[in-house]
Amino acid sequence: MVVDTDGGSGSSVTRKRADARRNQKTLLDAAAAAFIASGVDVPVRDIAARAGVGVGTIYRHFPTRADLIVAVYRHQVEALAAAGPTLLADSTAPYAALARWIDTFVDFLVTKHGLAEALQSDDAAFEALHAYFLDRLVPVCAQLLDAAAAAGEIRPDLDAYELMRGVGNLCIGAGSNPRYDARRMVGLLIAGLRRH
């Protein structure tokens, strides 16, 4: 038998941690939306307004803009990593899950107004992000490819890194040229994976 000797404060601490995680998620979602709408140089007060918090709250969680950019990037990578297994579990066909995940990946790539440039800067906070991106997302893409290949829906000799690199290359310049439709080109690439 376990006796509660802390008067229930353990559940209070757990609740506070859950609230803190929820608040941080709200901040990160608001920052991501602001970055998409206005780029990574959007004023912090605009992010705070979107999140419904004061500017000081953002600086308490993220002392520098680089800290905020890194946190948003990691938050979105984690959401993309979690989406793969969820799509696979919820889909009737692994190829459909792969196609939806790639579409989400394209969203991730083409909505990063200014993020790519920020990540290329000399700021030390950004150095490990590309490796983190690959470590988290290549295995998810590989799982989706393997499931679709095992179901006989796509060729079995596809490499996750190559596919992601190809999709990334098709997305370059998507926002700067209105005559170029990256989503259409990626759609053609993904359709070409199918076995006919």
N, C-alpha and C. Protein backbone atom coordinates (compact mmCIF):
# COMPACT_ATOMS: atom_id res chain seq x y z
N MET A 1 0.84 -1.17 0.00
CA MET A 1 0.00 0.00 0.00
C MET A 1 0.90 1.25 0.00
N VAL A 2 0.55 2.21 -0.86
CA VAL A 2 1.30 3.45 -0.96
C VAL A 2 0.56 4.53 -0.19
N VAL A 3 1.27 5.22 0.67
CA VAL A 3 0.67 6.30 1.46
C VAL A 3 1.11 7.63 0.88
N ASP A 4 0.14 8.52 0.65
CA ASP A 4 0.44 9.85 0.11
C ASP A 4 0.87 10.74 1.26
N THR A 5 2.16 11.02 1.31
CA THR A 5 2.68 11.83 2.41
C THR A 5 2.90 13.28 2.01
N ASP A 6 2.67 13.60 0.70
CA ASP A 6 2.94 14.98 0.31
C ASP A 6 1.67 15.81 0.19
N GLY A 7 0.57 15.26 0.66
CA GLY A 7 -0.67 16.03 0.68
C GLY A 7 -1.21 16.33 -0.71
N GLY A 8 -0.85 15.50 -1.71
CA GLY A 8 -1.38 15.70 -3.05
C GLY A 8 -0.57 16.66 -3.89
N SER A 9 0.55 17.14 -3.39
CA SER A 9 1.33 18.12 -4.16
C SER A 9 1.93 17.49 -5.41
N GLY A 10 2.09 16.17 -5.43
CA GLY A 10 2.63 15.51 -6.62
C GLY A 10 1.73 15.73 -7.81
N SER A 11 0.41 15.60 -7.61
CA SER A 11 -0.50 15.82 -8.73
C SER A 11 -0.52 17.29 -9.13
N SER A 12 -0.30 18.17 -8.17
CA SER A 12 -0.23 19.60 -8.47
C SER A 12 0.99 19.90 -9.34
N VAL A 13 2.12 19.27 -9.02
CA VAL A 13 3.34 19.45 -9.82
C VAL A 13 3.13 18.89 -11.23
N THR A 14 2.50 17.71 -11.32
CA THR A 14 2.22 17.11 -12.63
C THR A 14 1.32 18.02 -13.44
N ARG A 15 0.30 18.58 -12.79
CA ARG A 15 -0.62 19.48 -13.47
C ARG A 15 0.11 20.74 -13.94
N LYS A 16 1.00 21.29 -13.11
CA LYS A 16 1.76 22.46 -13.51
C LYS A 16 2.67 22.15 -14.69
N ARG A 17 3.29 20.97 -14.67
CA ARG A 17 4.15 20.59 -15.80
C ARG A 17 3.33 20.45 -17.08
N ALA A 18 2.15 19.84 -16.98
CA ALA A 18 1.27 19.70 -18.15
C ALA A 18 0.84 21.08 -18.65
N ASP A 19 0.53 22.00 -17.73
CA ASP A 19 0.15 23.36 -18.11
C ASP A 19 1.32 24.06 -18.79
N ALA A 20 2.52 23.89 -18.26
CA ALA A 20 3.71 24.52 -18.85
C ALA A 20 3.96 23.98 -20.25
N ARG A 21 3.80 22.67 -20.44
CA ARG A 21 3.97 22.08 -21.78
C ARG A 21 2.92 22.63 -22.75
N ARG A 22 1.68 22.72 -22.28
CA ARG A 22 0.60 23.24 -23.11
C ARG A 22 0.87 24.71 -23.47
N ASN A 23 1.31 25.49 -22.48
CA ASN A 23 1.62 26.90 -22.74
C ASN A 23 2.77 27.04 -23.73
N GLN A 24 3.79 26.21 -23.58
CA GLN A 24 4.91 26.28 -24.51
C GLN A 24 4.47 25.87 -25.91
N LYS A 25 3.61 24.85 -26.01
CA LYS A 25 3.09 24.44 -27.32
C LYS A 25 2.31 25.58 -27.96
N THR A 26 1.49 26.28 -27.15
CA THR A 26 0.73 27.43 -27.65
C THR A 26 1.68 28.50 -28.18
N LEU A 27 2.74 28.79 -27.43
CA LEU A 27 3.74 29.77 -27.88
C LEU A 27 4.40 29.34 -29.19
N LEU A 28 4.78 28.07 -29.27
CA LEU A 28 5.47 27.57 -30.46
C LEU A 28 4.54 27.56 -31.67
N ASP A 29 3.28 27.18 -31.46
CA ASP A 29 2.31 27.21 -32.56
C ASP A 29 2.09 28.64 -33.04
N ALA A 30 1.98 29.57 -32.09
CA ALA A 30 1.80 30.98 -32.46
C ALA A 30 3.01 31.52 -33.20
N ALA A 31 4.20 31.17 -32.73
CA ALA A 31 5.43 31.62 -33.40
C ALA A 31 5.52 31.03 -34.80
N ALA A 32 5.18 29.75 -34.94
CA ALA A 32 5.22 29.11 -36.27
C ALA A 32 4.25 29.81 -37.22
N ALA A 33 3.04 30.10 -36.75
CA ALA A 33 2.05 30.79 -37.59
C ALA A 33 2.55 32.18 -37.97
N ALA A 34 3.17 32.87 -37.03
CA ALA A 34 3.71 34.21 -37.31
C ALA A 34 4.86 34.12 -38.31
N PHE A 35 5.71 33.12 -38.18
CA PHE A 35 6.82 32.94 -39.11
C PHE A 35 6.29 32.68 -40.52
N ILE A 36 5.23 31.86 -40.62
CA ILE A 36 4.65 31.56 -41.93
C ILE A 36 4.05 32.83 -42.54
N ALA A 37 3.36 33.60 -41.73
CA ALA A 37 2.68 34.79 -42.22
C ALA A 37 3.65 35.93 -42.54
N SER A 38 4.68 36.10 -41.72
CA SER A 38 5.51 37.29 -41.84
C SER A 38 7.01 37.05 -41.87
N GLY A 39 7.44 35.80 -41.79
CA GLY A 39 8.87 35.50 -41.78
C GLY A 39 9.43 35.48 -40.37
N VAL A 40 10.66 34.99 -40.23
CA VAL A 40 11.25 34.80 -38.90
C VAL A 40 11.62 36.11 -38.21
N ASP A 41 11.58 37.21 -38.94
CA ASP A 41 11.89 38.50 -38.33
C ASP A 41 10.65 39.22 -37.79
N VAL A 42 9.53 38.52 -37.75
CA VAL A 42 8.29 39.09 -37.22
C VAL A 42 8.54 39.62 -35.81
N PRO A 43 7.97 40.78 -35.47
CA PRO A 43 8.16 41.31 -34.11
C PRO A 43 7.63 40.35 -33.04
N VAL A 44 8.36 40.25 -31.95
CA VAL A 44 7.98 39.37 -30.85
C VAL A 44 6.60 39.75 -30.32
N ARG A 45 6.28 41.03 -30.34
CA ARG A 45 4.96 41.45 -29.84
C ARG A 45 3.84 40.84 -30.68
N ASP A 46 4.07 40.62 -31.99
CA ASP A 46 3.06 39.98 -32.83
C ASP A 46 2.88 38.51 -32.44
N ILE A 47 3.97 37.84 -32.13
CA ILE A 47 3.90 36.45 -31.67
C ILE A 47 3.16 36.39 -30.34
N ALA A 48 3.51 37.30 -29.44
CA ALA A 48 2.85 37.34 -28.13
C ALA A 48 1.35 37.55 -28.29
N ALA A 49 0.96 38.45 -29.18
CA ALA A 49 -0.46 38.71 -29.41
C ALA A 49 -1.16 37.46 -29.93
N ARG A 50 -0.54 36.75 -30.86
CA ARG A 50 -1.12 35.51 -31.38
C ARG A 50 -1.30 34.47 -30.29
N ALA A 51 -0.33 34.41 -29.37
CA ALA A 51 -0.35 33.41 -28.30
C ALA A 51 -1.22 33.85 -27.12
N GLY A 52 -1.59 35.13 -27.09
CA GLY A 52 -2.38 35.63 -25.98
C GLY A 52 -1.58 35.77 -24.70
N VAL A 53 -0.29 36.10 -24.84
CA VAL A 53 0.58 36.28 -23.67
C VAL A 53 1.33 37.59 -23.82
N GLY A 54 2.02 37.98 -22.76
CA GLY A 54 2.86 39.16 -22.82
C GLY A 54 4.21 38.84 -23.45
N VAL A 55 4.86 39.88 -23.94
CA VAL A 55 6.19 39.73 -24.56
C VAL A 55 7.16 39.12 -23.56
N GLY A 56 7.06 39.50 -22.29
CA GLY A 56 7.95 38.98 -21.26
C GLY A 56 7.86 37.47 -21.13
N THR A 57 6.66 36.91 -21.34
CA THR A 57 6.49 35.46 -21.27
C THR A 57 7.31 34.76 -22.35
N ILE A 58 7.30 35.34 -23.53
CA ILE A 58 8.09 34.74 -24.61
C ILE A 58 9.57 34.79 -24.28
N TYR A 59 10.04 35.95 -23.81
CA TYR A 59 11.46 36.07 -23.47
C TYR A 59 11.85 35.20 -22.29
N ARG A 60 10.92 34.92 -21.40
CA ARG A 60 11.21 34.04 -20.27
C ARG A 60 11.46 32.61 -20.78
N HIS A 61 10.68 32.19 -21.77
CA HIS A 61 10.84 30.85 -22.35
C HIS A 61 11.98 30.80 -23.37
N PHE A 62 12.12 31.88 -24.15
CA PHE A 62 13.08 31.92 -25.26
C PHE A 62 13.82 33.25 -25.20
N PRO A 63 14.96 33.28 -24.51
CA PRO A 63 15.68 34.55 -24.29
C PRO A 63 16.13 35.25 -25.56
N THR A 64 16.38 34.49 -26.64
CA THR A 64 16.81 35.12 -27.89
C THR A 64 15.91 34.65 -29.04
N ARG A 65 15.94 35.40 -30.12
CA ARG A 65 15.17 35.00 -31.31
C ARG A 65 15.68 33.65 -31.82
N ALA A 66 16.99 33.44 -31.75
CA ALA A 66 17.55 32.15 -32.19
C ALA A 66 16.97 31.01 -31.36
N ASP A 67 16.83 31.21 -30.05
CA ASP A 67 16.22 30.17 -29.20
C ASP A 67 14.80 29.86 -29.65
N LEU A 68 14.05 30.89 -30.00
CA LEU A 68 12.67 30.70 -30.44
C LEU A 68 12.62 29.98 -31.79
N ILE A 69 13.48 30.39 -32.72
CA ILE A 69 13.51 29.75 -34.05
C ILE A 69 13.86 28.27 -33.91
N VAL A 70 14.87 27.97 -33.12
CA VAL A 70 15.27 26.57 -32.91
C VAL A 70 14.12 25.78 -32.28
N ALA A 71 13.45 26.35 -31.29
CA ALA A 71 12.35 25.65 -30.62
C ALA A 71 11.20 25.41 -31.58
N VAL A 72 10.86 26.39 -32.41
CA VAL A 72 9.78 26.21 -33.39
C VAL A 72 10.16 25.12 -34.38
N TYR A 73 11.37 25.17 -34.87
CA TYR A 73 11.84 24.17 -35.82
C TYR A 73 11.76 22.77 -35.23
N ARG A 74 12.27 22.61 -34.01
CA ARG A 74 12.23 21.29 -33.35
C ARG A 74 10.79 20.84 -33.11
N HIS A 75 9.94 21.76 -32.70
CA HIS A 75 8.53 21.47 -32.45
C HIS A 75 7.87 20.95 -33.73
N GLN A 76 8.17 21.60 -34.85
CA GLN A 76 7.56 21.18 -36.11
C GLN A 76 8.16 19.87 -36.62
N VAL A 77 9.44 19.66 -36.40
CA VAL A 77 10.04 18.38 -36.78
C VAL A 77 9.41 17.25 -35.97
N GLU A 78 9.22 17.49 -34.68
CA GLU A 78 8.59 16.46 -33.83
C GLU A 78 7.16 16.16 -34.28
N ALA A 79 6.40 17.18 -34.65
CA ALA A 79 5.04 16.97 -35.14
C ALA A 79 5.06 16.16 -36.43
N LEU A 80 6.00 16.44 -37.30
CA LEU A 80 6.13 15.71 -38.56
C LEU A 80 6.56 14.27 -38.30
N ALA A 81 7.46 14.07 -37.35
CA ALA A 81 7.90 12.71 -37.00
C ALA A 81 6.74 11.91 -36.42
N ALA A 82 5.92 12.52 -35.60
CA ALA A 82 4.78 11.83 -35.00
C ALA A 82 3.69 11.55 -36.02
N ALA A 83 3.60 12.37 -37.05
CA ALA A 83 2.55 12.20 -38.06
C ALA A 83 2.71 10.92 -38.86
N GLY A 84 3.94 10.50 -39.13
CA GLY A 84 4.16 9.30 -39.95
C GLY A 84 3.48 8.06 -39.40
N PRO A 85 3.81 7.63 -38.19
CA PRO A 85 3.16 6.45 -37.62
C PRO A 85 1.65 6.60 -37.48
N THR A 86 1.20 7.81 -37.17
CA THR A 86 -0.25 8.05 -37.04
C THR A 86 -0.94 7.86 -38.38
N LEU A 87 -0.38 8.45 -39.43
CA LEU A 87 -0.96 8.29 -40.76
C LEU A 87 -0.97 6.83 -41.19
N LEU A 88 0.12 6.13 -40.89
CA LEU A 88 0.21 4.72 -41.26
C LEU A 88 -0.85 3.90 -40.53
N ALA A 89 -1.06 4.17 -39.26
CA ALA A 89 -2.05 3.44 -38.47
C ALA A 89 -3.48 3.76 -38.91
N ASP A 90 -3.70 5.01 -39.34
CA ASP A 90 -5.07 5.44 -39.69
C ASP A 90 -5.43 5.22 -41.15
N SER A 91 -4.48 4.79 -41.96
CA SER A 91 -4.71 4.67 -43.40
C SER A 91 -5.02 3.24 -43.80
N THR A 92 -5.84 3.10 -44.83
CA THR A 92 -6.13 1.76 -45.35
C THR A 92 -5.03 1.26 -46.26
N ALA A 93 -4.23 2.19 -46.80
CA ALA A 93 -3.14 1.81 -47.70
C ALA A 93 -1.87 2.56 -47.31
N PRO A 94 -0.75 1.84 -47.16
CA PRO A 94 0.51 2.52 -46.80
C PRO A 94 0.93 3.60 -47.80
N TYR A 95 0.65 3.39 -49.09
CA TYR A 95 1.00 4.41 -50.08
C TYR A 95 0.26 5.71 -49.81
N ALA A 96 -1.02 5.62 -49.44
CA ALA A 96 -1.80 6.81 -49.12
C ALA A 96 -1.20 7.53 -47.91
N ALA A 97 -0.76 6.77 -46.91
CA ALA A 97 -0.12 7.37 -45.74
C ALA A 97 1.18 8.06 -46.14
N LEU A 98 1.97 7.41 -46.99
CA LEU A 98 3.21 8.00 -47.49
C LEU A 98 2.93 9.30 -48.23
N ALA A 99 1.94 9.29 -49.12
CA ALA A 99 1.61 10.48 -49.91
C ALA A 99 1.16 11.62 -49.00
N ARG A 100 0.35 11.33 -47.99
CA ARG A 100 -0.10 12.38 -47.07
C ARG A 100 1.07 12.91 -46.24
N TRP A 101 1.97 12.00 -45.83
CA TRP A 101 3.12 12.45 -45.05
C TRP A 101 4.04 13.34 -45.89
N ILE A 102 4.26 12.95 -47.13
CA ILE A 102 5.09 13.77 -48.03
C ILE A 102 4.43 15.14 -48.22
N ASP A 103 3.11 15.17 -48.34
CA ASP A 103 2.41 16.45 -48.47
C ASP A 103 2.64 17.32 -47.24
N THR A 104 2.62 16.71 -46.05
CA THR A 104 2.89 17.43 -44.81
C THR A 104 4.35 17.89 -44.79
N PHE A 105 5.25 17.06 -45.28
CA PHE A 105 6.67 17.42 -45.38
C PHE A 105 6.84 18.62 -46.30
N VAL A 106 6.12 18.63 -47.42
CA VAL A 106 6.18 19.77 -48.34
C VAL A 106 5.69 21.03 -47.62
N ASP A 107 4.60 20.93 -46.87
CA ASP A 107 4.12 22.08 -46.08
C ASP A 107 5.23 22.59 -45.19
N PHE A 108 5.90 21.68 -44.52
CA PHE A 108 7.00 22.04 -43.62
C PHE A 108 8.08 22.80 -44.39
N LEU A 109 8.42 22.33 -45.58
CA LEU A 109 9.50 22.94 -46.35
C LEU A 109 9.13 24.28 -46.97
N VAL A 110 7.93 24.38 -47.53
CA VAL A 110 7.61 25.59 -48.30
C VAL A 110 7.08 26.72 -47.44
N THR A 111 6.76 26.45 -46.18
CA THR A 111 6.22 27.52 -45.33
C THR A 111 7.28 28.10 -44.40
N LYS A 112 8.53 27.85 -44.66
CA LYS A 112 9.60 28.32 -43.77
C LYS A 112 10.17 29.64 -44.26
N HIS A 113 9.32 30.66 -44.42
CA HIS A 113 9.78 31.97 -44.90
C HIS A 113 10.90 32.50 -44.01
N GLY A 114 12.09 32.55 -44.56
CA GLY A 114 13.22 33.10 -43.83
C GLY A 114 13.91 32.10 -42.92
N LEU A 115 13.29 30.97 -42.65
CA LEU A 115 13.90 30.02 -41.72
C LEU A 115 15.15 29.40 -42.33
N ALA A 116 15.08 29.06 -43.61
CA ALA A 116 16.25 28.46 -44.25
C ALA A 116 17.45 29.39 -44.17
N GLU A 117 17.21 30.68 -44.43
CA GLU A 117 18.30 31.65 -44.37
C GLU A 117 18.83 31.77 -42.94
N ALA A 118 17.91 31.79 -41.98
CA ALA A 118 18.33 31.88 -40.57
C ALA A 118 19.17 30.68 -40.18
N LEU A 119 18.78 29.52 -40.66
CA LEU A 119 19.51 28.30 -40.31
C LEU A 119 20.88 28.25 -40.96
N GLN A 120 21.09 29.02 -42.02
CA GLN A 120 22.40 29.07 -42.68
C GLN A 120 23.33 30.07 -42.01
N SER A 121 22.82 30.81 -41.05
CA SER A 121 23.65 31.83 -40.40
C SER A 121 24.74 31.17 -39.56
N ASP A 122 25.61 32.00 -39.01
CA ASP A 122 26.70 31.49 -38.19
C ASP A 122 26.31 31.26 -36.74
N ASP A 123 25.04 31.46 -36.41
CA ASP A 123 24.59 31.31 -35.02
C ASP A 123 24.77 29.86 -34.59
N ALA A 124 25.49 29.65 -33.50
CA ALA A 124 25.79 28.31 -33.01
C ALA A 124 24.53 27.53 -32.66
N ALA A 125 23.45 28.23 -32.33
CA ALA A 125 22.21 27.55 -31.97
C ALA A 125 21.66 26.71 -33.12
N PHE A 126 22.03 27.04 -34.35
CA PHE A 126 21.47 26.35 -35.51
C PHE A 126 22.32 25.18 -36.01
N GLU A 127 23.53 25.04 -35.50
CA GLU A 127 24.48 24.08 -36.05
C GLU A 127 23.97 22.64 -36.10
N ALA A 128 23.35 22.18 -35.04
CA ALA A 128 22.96 20.77 -34.96
C ALA A 128 21.58 20.49 -35.55
N LEU A 129 20.87 21.50 -36.03
CA LEU A 129 19.49 21.28 -36.46
C LEU A 129 19.35 20.39 -37.69
N HIS A 130 20.25 20.51 -38.64
CA HIS A 130 20.12 19.68 -39.84
C HIS A 130 20.28 18.20 -39.49
N ALA A 131 21.24 17.88 -38.66
CA ALA A 131 21.43 16.49 -38.23
C ALA A 131 20.21 16.01 -37.46
N TYR A 132 19.68 16.86 -36.61
CA TYR A 132 18.47 16.53 -35.85
C TYR A 132 17.31 16.24 -36.79
N PHE A 133 17.13 17.08 -37.78
CA PHE A 133 16.09 16.93 -38.80
C PHE A 133 16.21 15.56 -39.47
N LEU A 134 17.41 15.22 -39.91
CA LEU A 134 17.62 13.94 -40.58
C LEU A 134 17.42 12.76 -39.63
N ASP A 135 17.97 12.87 -38.42
CA ASP A 135 17.84 11.78 -37.44
C ASP A 135 16.39 11.48 -37.10
N ARG A 136 15.55 12.50 -37.05
CA ARG A 136 14.15 12.31 -36.67
C ARG A 136 13.28 11.91 -37.86
N LEU A 137 13.54 12.46 -39.05
CA LEU A 137 12.60 12.29 -40.15
C LEU A 137 12.94 11.19 -41.15
N VAL A 138 14.22 10.91 -41.37
CA VAL A 138 14.57 9.85 -42.33
C VAL A 138 14.00 8.50 -41.88
N PRO A 139 14.10 8.13 -40.60
CA PRO A 139 13.51 6.85 -40.19
C PRO A 139 11.99 6.80 -40.37
N VAL A 140 11.31 7.92 -40.20
CA VAL A 140 9.86 7.95 -40.38
C VAL A 140 9.53 7.73 -41.85
N CYS A 141 10.23 8.42 -42.73
CA CYS A 141 10.03 8.23 -44.16
C CYS A 141 10.35 6.79 -44.56
N ALA A 142 11.41 6.24 -44.01
CA ALA A 142 11.80 4.85 -44.31
C ALA A 142 10.70 3.88 -43.87
N GLN A 143 10.11 4.11 -42.70
CA GLN A 143 9.03 3.25 -42.23
C GLN A 143 7.84 3.28 -43.20
N LEU A 144 7.50 4.46 -43.68
CA LEU A 144 6.40 4.59 -44.64
C LEU A 144 6.74 3.92 -45.97
N LEU A 145 7.96 4.14 -46.46
CA LEU A 145 8.39 3.49 -47.70
C LEU A 145 8.38 1.97 -47.56
N ASP A 146 8.91 1.48 -46.44
CA ASP A 146 8.95 0.02 -46.23
C ASP A 146 7.55 -0.58 -46.20
N ALA A 147 6.62 0.10 -45.55
CA ALA A 147 5.24 -0.41 -45.46
C ALA A 147 4.59 -0.43 -46.84
N ALA A 148 4.80 0.63 -47.62
CA ALA A 148 4.22 0.68 -48.96
C ALA A 148 4.87 -0.35 -49.88
N ALA A 149 6.17 -0.57 -49.73
CA ALA A 149 6.85 -1.59 -50.54
C ALA A 149 6.38 -2.98 -50.15
N ALA A 150 6.25 -3.24 -48.84
CA ALA A 150 5.79 -4.55 -48.37
C ALA A 150 4.37 -4.84 -48.86
N ALA A 151 3.56 -3.80 -49.04
CA ALA A 151 2.20 -3.97 -49.53
C ALA A 151 2.17 -4.09 -51.06
N GLY A 152 3.34 -3.97 -51.69
CA GLY A 152 3.42 -4.08 -53.14
C GLY A 152 2.91 -2.85 -53.89
N GLU A 153 2.82 -1.72 -53.16
CA GLU A 153 2.28 -0.50 -53.77
C GLU A 153 3.34 0.35 -54.47
N ILE A 154 4.59 0.21 -54.04
CA ILE A 154 5.68 0.98 -54.65
C ILE A 154 6.87 0.05 -54.86
N ARG A 155 7.84 0.55 -55.61
CA ARG A 155 9.07 -0.21 -55.82
C ARG A 155 9.77 -0.42 -54.48
N PRO A 156 10.44 -1.56 -54.31
CA PRO A 156 11.08 -1.84 -53.03
C PRO A 156 12.48 -1.24 -52.86
N ASP A 157 13.01 -0.61 -53.88
CA ASP A 157 14.41 -0.15 -53.82
C ASP A 157 14.56 1.34 -53.58
N LEU A 158 13.59 1.95 -52.90
CA LEU A 158 13.63 3.39 -52.67
C LEU A 158 14.32 3.71 -51.34
N ASP A 159 15.11 4.76 -51.35
CA ASP A 159 15.84 5.18 -50.17
C ASP A 159 15.18 6.44 -49.59
N ALA A 160 14.92 6.44 -48.30
CA ALA A 160 14.22 7.54 -47.65
C ALA A 160 14.98 8.86 -47.78
N TYR A 161 16.27 8.83 -47.54
CA TYR A 161 17.06 10.06 -47.64
C TYR A 161 16.99 10.63 -49.05
N GLU A 162 17.16 9.78 -50.05
CA GLU A 162 17.10 10.24 -51.44
C GLU A 162 15.75 10.86 -51.78
N LEU A 163 14.68 10.20 -51.33
CA LEU A 163 13.34 10.73 -51.59
C LEU A 163 13.15 12.09 -50.93
N MET A 164 13.54 12.18 -49.66
CA MET A 164 13.39 13.45 -48.95
C MET A 164 14.24 14.55 -49.59
N ARG A 165 15.42 14.19 -50.03
CA ARG A 165 16.30 15.16 -50.69
C ARG A 165 15.69 15.61 -52.01
N GLY A 166 15.12 14.66 -52.75
CA GLY A 166 14.46 15.00 -54.01
C GLY A 166 13.27 15.92 -53.79
N VAL A 167 12.45 15.61 -52.79
CA VAL A 167 11.30 16.46 -52.47
C VAL A 167 11.80 17.85 -52.06
N GLY A 168 12.83 17.89 -51.23
CA GLY A 168 13.39 19.18 -50.81
C GLY A 168 13.87 20.00 -51.99
N ASN A 169 14.54 19.35 -52.92
CA ASN A 169 15.04 20.06 -54.10
C ASN A 169 13.90 20.59 -54.95
N LEU A 170 12.81 19.83 -55.04
CA LEU A 170 11.65 20.31 -55.80
C LEU A 170 10.97 21.50 -55.13
N CYS A 171 11.17 21.65 -53.84
CA CYS A 171 10.54 22.75 -53.09
C CYS A 171 11.36 24.03 -53.09
N ILE A 172 12.60 23.96 -53.51
CA ILE A 172 13.46 25.16 -53.53
C ILE A 172 12.85 26.21 -54.45
N GLY A 173 12.73 27.40 -53.95
CA GLY A 173 12.22 28.50 -54.75
C GLY A 173 10.72 28.53 -54.90
N ALA A 174 10.01 27.67 -54.18
CA ALA A 174 8.55 27.60 -54.34
C ALA A 174 7.88 28.93 -54.03
N GLY A 175 8.40 29.68 -53.08
CA GLY A 175 7.76 30.93 -52.70
C GLY A 175 8.19 32.12 -53.54
N SER A 176 9.26 31.96 -54.30
CA SER A 176 9.80 33.12 -55.02
C SER A 176 9.39 33.19 -56.48
N ASN A 177 8.77 32.14 -56.99
CA ASN A 177 8.37 32.14 -58.40
C ASN A 177 6.92 31.68 -58.52
N PRO A 178 6.00 32.59 -58.83
CA PRO A 178 4.59 32.22 -58.90
C PRO A 178 4.27 31.24 -60.04
N ARG A 179 5.15 31.11 -61.01
CA ARG A 179 4.91 30.17 -62.11
C ARG A 179 5.33 28.75 -61.77
N TYR A 180 5.99 28.57 -60.62
CA TYR A 180 6.47 27.24 -60.23
C TYR A 180 5.58 26.68 -59.13
N ASP A 181 5.03 25.49 -59.36
CA ASP A 181 4.15 24.84 -58.39
C ASP A 181 4.87 23.61 -57.82
N ALA A 182 5.52 23.82 -56.70
CA ALA A 182 6.29 22.73 -56.08
C ALA A 182 5.39 21.56 -55.71
N ARG A 183 4.19 21.85 -55.22
CA ARG A 183 3.29 20.77 -54.82
C ARG A 183 2.93 19.88 -56.00
N ARG A 184 2.71 20.49 -57.14
CA ARG A 184 2.40 19.71 -58.35
C ARG A 184 3.57 18.82 -58.72
N MET A 185 4.77 19.37 -58.68
CA MET A 185 5.95 18.60 -59.05
C MET A 185 6.18 17.45 -58.06
N VAL A 186 6.01 17.71 -56.77
CA VAL A 186 6.17 16.65 -55.77
C VAL A 186 5.08 15.60 -55.96
N GLY A 187 3.86 16.04 -56.28
CA GLY A 187 2.77 15.09 -56.55
C GLY A 187 3.12 14.15 -57.70
N LEU A 188 3.74 14.70 -58.75
CA LEU A 188 4.16 13.86 -59.87
C LEU A 188 5.24 12.87 -59.44
N LEU A 189 6.17 13.33 -58.61
CA LEU A 189 7.22 12.44 -58.10
C LEU A 189 6.61 11.29 -57.29
N ILE A 190 5.70 11.61 -56.39
CA ILE A 190 5.10 10.59 -55.53
C ILE A 190 4.24 9.64 -56.34
N ALA A 191 3.53 10.16 -57.33
CA ALA A 191 2.73 9.29 -58.21
C ALA A 191 3.64 8.34 -58.97
N GLY A 192 4.84 8.81 -59.31
CA GLY A 192 5.80 7.96 -60.03
C GLY A 192 6.37 6.82 -59.21
N LEU A 193 6.19 6.85 -57.90
CA LEU A 193 6.66 5.76 -57.05
C LEU A 193 5.79 4.51 -57.15
N ARG A 194 4.55 4.69 -57.57
CA ARG A 194 3.58 3.60 -57.59
C ARG A 194 3.94 2.53 -58.59
N ARG A 195 3.62 1.32 -58.20
CA ARG A 195 3.73 0.19 -59.13
C ARG A 195 2.43 0.15 -59.93
N HIS A 196 2.55 -0.01 -61.21
CA HIS A 196 1.34 -0.04 -62.05
C HIS A 196 1.10 -1.42 -62.60
